[in-house]
């Protein structure tokens, strides 16, 4: 049986954005999920991803950034996106009963989550669904400086054909971050985790990542709100 989804409104400064919260019975963690630059929270990829996580015992909150809520195409600047991230995490925390609270995002959404954490936003850990390490075809324009001060658990899920992060560069970045960073490669996947020749929908592509993410959340000891949370057996 699918987990009921509750529409919510999240105040971000003088504006408000939409969110969808789902809380399965016995959830062991909550994952807040942000969309990428070109699609909102209801894109089939994110819907498939979060619903598959709900089936694995992870509560989820996906939300829109202000630009998407306003119907604009150009993404918010980091200060606005980070403010939205902080507000979404507060909204999730108020509904999560003290469970470990993680931050995740597709591309732009994940990078903004990492920048928010680098600026002090509390989180048990970070999950990147296709981290945009550099613009396509421009590996010299790498976006990594803020990652090296982060010590919380981080999972990078990346397709081997993703033009936003060449394997050599991402592996080098993860190695420099240290043991808190884990990279998991999806053979043949592009930036949307589509695999050439594989006939699957966007929601199926998103759902295919849920098992790896749930396993990472379950097996990593975390700290949330200053309270250690031990891995489940």
Protein backbone atom coordinates (compact mmCIF):
# COMPACT_ATOMS: atom_id res chain seq x y z
CA UNK A 1 0.00 0.00 0.00
CA UNK A 2 1.36 3.41 -0.96
CA UNK A 3 2.18 6.01 1.68
CA UNK A 4 -0.26 8.96 1.82
CA UNK A 5 1.23 12.26 0.64
CA UNK A 6 0.33 15.54 2.34
CA UNK A 7 0.65 18.86 0.49
CA UNK A 8 2.23 21.55 2.68
CA UNK A 9 3.18 25.21 2.38
CA UNK A 10 6.65 26.35 3.42
CA UNK A 11 7.31 30.01 4.23
CA UNK A 12 10.55 31.35 2.74
CA UNK A 13 10.98 34.93 3.86
CA UNK A 14 8.05 36.95 2.52
CA UNK A 15 7.09 34.24 0.02
CA UNK A 16 5.93 30.64 0.24
CA UNK A 17 6.67 27.46 -1.69
CA UNK A 18 4.86 24.16 -2.06
CA UNK A 19 5.97 20.87 -0.59
CA UNK A 20 4.78 17.28 -0.33
CA UNK A 21 5.43 15.28 2.84
CA UNK A 22 5.07 11.50 3.11
CA UNK A 23 5.56 9.67 6.41
CA UNK A 24 5.41 5.85 6.22
CA UNK A 25 4.70 3.87 9.37
CA UNK A 26 7.89 3.07 11.27
CA UNK A 27 10.09 5.40 9.22
CA UNK A 28 13.70 5.37 10.41
CA UNK A 29 14.83 8.63 8.76
CA UNK A 30 13.52 11.64 6.86
CA UNK A 31 15.01 12.77 3.55
CA UNK A 32 14.31 16.27 2.24
CA UNK A 33 14.62 16.35 -1.55
CA UNK A 34 15.13 19.33 -3.85
CA UNK A 35 14.62 19.37 -7.60
CA UNK A 36 17.09 20.22 -10.35
CA UNK A 37 17.33 23.47 -12.28
CA UNK A 38 14.98 22.49 -15.09
CA UNK A 39 12.11 20.78 -13.31
CA UNK A 40 9.99 21.15 -10.18
CA UNK A 41 9.22 18.86 -7.27
CA UNK A 42 6.54 16.98 -9.20
CA UNK A 43 8.84 15.79 -11.97
CA UNK A 44 8.30 12.02 -12.42
CA UNK A 45 11.94 11.32 -11.52
CA UNK A 46 11.55 12.82 -8.03
CA UNK A 47 8.09 11.39 -7.53
CA UNK A 48 9.33 7.89 -8.39
CA UNK A 49 12.37 8.36 -6.18
CA UNK A 50 10.51 9.55 -3.08
CA UNK A 51 7.69 7.02 -3.35
CA UNK A 52 10.18 4.17 -3.66
CA UNK A 53 11.95 5.51 -0.55
CA UNK A 54 8.64 5.62 1.33
CA UNK A 55 8.19 1.91 0.56
CA UNK A 56 11.63 1.30 2.11
CA UNK A 57 10.82 3.11 5.37
CA UNK A 58 12.11 6.60 4.64
CA UNK A 59 9.88 9.64 5.15
CA UNK A 60 10.31 12.30 2.46
CA UNK A 61 9.67 15.97 1.90
CA UNK A 62 10.12 17.27 -1.63
CA UNK A 63 9.72 20.99 -2.25
CA UNK A 64 9.93 23.73 -4.87
CA UNK A 65 12.49 26.50 -4.96
CA UNK A 66 10.95 30.00 -5.12
CA UNK A 67 11.75 30.54 -8.81
CA UNK A 68 9.93 27.37 -9.75
CA UNK A 69 6.97 28.23 -7.54
CA UNK A 70 6.75 31.59 -9.34
CA UNK A 71 6.81 29.93 -12.76
CA UNK A 72 10.25 31.27 -13.68
CA UNK A 73 12.87 29.29 -15.60
CA UNK A 74 16.12 30.77 -14.30
CA UNK A 75 17.21 29.22 -10.98
CA UNK A 76 17.42 31.24 -7.79
CA UNK A 77 20.73 32.71 -6.72
CA UNK A 78 22.39 30.77 -3.86
CA UNK A 79 21.20 33.03 -1.00
CA UNK A 80 17.55 32.51 -2.01
CA UNK A 81 18.00 28.79 -2.66
CA UNK A 82 19.78 28.33 0.67
CA UNK A 83 16.98 30.17 2.48
CA UNK A 84 14.50 27.78 0.87
CA UNK A 85 16.59 24.82 1.96
CA UNK A 86 16.70 26.03 5.55
CA UNK A 87 12.94 26.54 5.61
CA UNK A 88 12.30 23.09 4.13
CA UNK A 89 14.52 21.43 6.73
CA UNK A 90 12.68 23.23 9.54
CA UNK A 91 9.35 22.10 8.07
CA UNK A 92 10.60 18.51 7.86
CA UNK A 93 12.05 18.56 11.37
CA UNK A 94 8.73 19.67 12.84
CA UNK A 95 7.08 16.60 11.29
CA UNK A 96 9.78 13.99 11.87
CA UNK A 97 9.64 13.28 15.59
CA UNK A 98 13.39 13.53 16.12
CA UNK A 99 14.37 11.09 13.36
CA UNK A 100 17.66 11.69 11.53
CA UNK A 101 17.06 14.41 8.96
CA UNK A 102 18.97 14.18 5.68
CA UNK A 103 19.23 16.56 2.71
CA UNK A 104 19.22 15.40 -0.91
CA UNK A 105 18.86 16.96 -4.30
CA UNK A 106 18.93 16.40 -8.01
CA UNK A 107 21.81 18.33 -9.61
CA UNK A 108 21.28 22.03 -8.71
CA UNK A 109 19.17 21.03 -5.71
CA UNK A 110 21.94 18.87 -4.30
CA UNK A 111 24.61 21.51 -4.84
CA UNK A 112 22.47 24.09 -3.06
CA UNK A 113 21.97 21.62 -0.18
CA UNK A 114 25.72 21.24 0.19
CA UNK A 115 26.20 25.01 0.16
CA UNK A 116 23.48 25.39 2.81
CA UNK A 117 25.22 22.83 5.02
CA UNK A 118 28.57 24.57 4.43
CA UNK A 119 26.90 27.72 5.76
CA UNK A 120 25.69 25.98 8.90
CA UNK A 121 22.40 24.26 8.05
CA UNK A 122 22.11 21.15 10.27
CA UNK A 123 21.74 17.81 8.50
CA UNK A 124 22.54 14.19 9.29
CA UNK A 125 24.11 13.84 5.85
CA UNK A 126 23.84 14.69 2.17
CA UNK A 127 22.74 12.69 -0.87
CA UNK A 128 23.53 13.94 -4.37
CA UNK A 129 21.50 12.65 -7.32
CA UNK A 130 23.87 13.62 -10.10
CA UNK A 131 26.18 16.27 -8.61
CA UNK A 132 26.91 19.09 -11.11
CA UNK A 133 30.65 19.23 -10.50
CA UNK A 134 31.25 21.30 -13.63
CA UNK A 135 29.27 22.54 -16.67
CA UNK A 136 29.06 19.99 -19.50
CA UNK A 137 32.29 19.93 -21.47
CA UNK A 138 33.99 22.40 -19.11
CA UNK A 139 35.83 20.35 -16.46
CA UNK A 140 38.10 23.30 -15.79
CA UNK A 141 35.16 25.17 -14.22
CA UNK A 142 34.89 22.87 -11.22
CA UNK A 143 32.50 23.69 -8.34
CA UNK A 144 34.04 21.97 -5.37
CA UNK A 145 35.62 24.43 -2.93
CA UNK A 146 32.83 24.38 -0.35
CA UNK A 147 32.76 20.56 -0.21
CA UNK A 148 36.12 20.16 1.51
CA UNK A 149 35.01 21.57 4.84
CA UNK A 150 32.13 19.09 5.14
CA UNK A 151 32.62 16.09 7.42
CA UNK A 152 29.10 14.62 7.49
CA UNK A 153 28.28 11.47 5.46
CA UNK A 154 27.85 12.19 1.76
CA UNK A 155 26.64 9.87 -0.98
CA UNK A 156 27.32 10.81 -4.59
CA UNK A 157 25.11 8.84 -7.02
CA UNK A 158 26.39 9.49 -10.52
CA UNK A 159 25.92 8.06 -14.00
CA UNK A 160 29.08 7.08 -15.85
CA UNK A 161 27.90 9.10 -18.88
CA UNK A 162 27.03 12.20 -16.84
CA UNK A 163 28.62 15.15 -18.64
CA UNK A 164 28.37 17.28 -15.48
CA UNK A 165 31.01 15.21 -13.65
CA UNK A 166 33.78 13.25 -15.32
CA UNK A 167 34.55 10.09 -13.31
CA UNK A 168 38.20 10.99 -12.79
CA UNK A 169 37.40 14.43 -11.39
CA UNK A 170 34.59 13.26 -9.11
CA UNK A 171 36.67 10.41 -7.73
CA UNK A 172 39.50 12.87 -7.04
CA UNK A 173 37.12 15.26 -5.26
CA UNK A 174 35.70 12.45 -3.13
CA UNK A 175 39.19 11.29 -2.22
CA UNK A 176 40.12 14.81 -1.17
CA UNK A 177 36.95 15.13 0.94
CA UNK A 178 37.94 11.94 2.75
CA UNK A 179 36.18 8.85 4.13
CA UNK A 180 32.89 10.69 4.70
CA UNK A 181 32.32 10.77 0.91
CA UNK A 182 31.03 7.73 -0.97
CA UNK A 183 30.66 7.58 -4.76
CA UNK A 184 28.35 5.06 -6.37
CA UNK A 185 28.44 4.84 -10.17
CA UNK A 186 25.51 3.88 -12.39
CA UNK A 187 26.88 2.20 -15.49
CA UNK A 188 25.71 3.92 -18.66
CA UNK A 189 23.62 6.52 -16.84
CA UNK A 190 23.49 10.12 -18.01
CA UNK A 191 22.71 13.19 -15.88
CA UNK A 192 19.09 12.00 -15.57
CA UNK A 193 20.18 8.39 -14.94
CA UNK A 194 18.77 7.37 -18.31
CA UNK A 195 20.66 4.44 -19.83
CA UNK A 196 20.96 4.18 -23.60
CA UNK A 197 18.92 1.26 -24.90
CA UNK A 198 17.09 0.73 -21.61
CA UNK A 199 13.35 1.35 -21.92
CA UNK A 200 12.35 2.83 -18.59
CA UNK A 201 10.43 5.93 -17.61
CA UNK A 202 11.73 8.84 -15.56
CA UNK A 203 9.85 7.66 -12.49
CA UNK A 204 11.43 4.22 -12.86
CA UNK A 205 14.87 5.83 -13.16
CA UNK A 206 14.27 7.74 -9.94
CA UNK A 207 12.91 4.70 -8.15
CA UNK A 208 16.01 2.71 -9.13
CA UNK A 209 18.13 4.91 -6.84
CA UNK A 210 16.01 4.41 -3.72
CA UNK A 211 17.56 1.18 -2.53
CA UNK A 212 21.09 2.56 -2.52
CA UNK A 213 19.96 5.70 -0.70
CA UNK A 214 17.91 3.87 1.93
CA UNK A 215 20.82 1.53 2.56
CA UNK A 216 23.20 4.45 3.01
CA UNK A 217 20.87 6.19 5.45
CA UNK A 218 20.32 3.00 7.43
CA UNK A 219 23.94 1.94 7.77
CA UNK A 220 25.60 5.27 8.58
CA UNK A 221 25.74 6.49 12.15
CA UNK A 222 24.49 10.06 12.18
CA UNK A 223 24.13 13.03 14.45
CA UNK A 224 21.00 15.15 14.34
CA UNK A 225 20.29 17.96 16.74
CA UNK A 226 23.36 16.94 18.75
CA UNK A 227 21.92 13.49 19.50
CA UNK A 228 23.86 10.51 18.13
CA UNK A 229 21.75 8.08 16.15
CA UNK A 230 23.31 4.62 15.78
CA UNK A 231 23.04 2.52 12.63
CA UNK A 232 20.20 0.04 12.51
CA UNK A 233 21.19 -3.64 12.60
